């Protein structure tokens, strides 16, 4: 994730009062997810969603989403892909890798609505499970 894109996303999450963890790129994010699994965390229940930039070094957002979908303990995570580079979005790739939502250009209000909607849904699902 570029530092500018990461700051844009964290600013929205902070304004919403949402707790978050950041990663510098897709590989670091995926390694963190696996580390949490190794610690015994139920990541799909504990983590409400992942927001990833498409453009990242080492492992881009498409590859990160694909890796998440292929992992049996992570494949139900809600993934939102976005790009800070307008017009570089490949909708067919978003669908192919299995992202739940995508933001084709930087729109903080739209991201906030997506996050709020999914947080509400995640909370309801957790209540049903308990």
Foldseek 3Di string as FASTA:
>chain_A
DDPVVVVLVVVLCVVVVHDDDDDQALVRVVVVVVVCVVVVDLCQLVPLAEEAEQDHPPAGPLRSLLVQCPDPSRNVHAYEYEHQDAPPDDVVSCVVSPHPYYDRHDDSVVVSVVVVVSVVVSVVVVVVVD
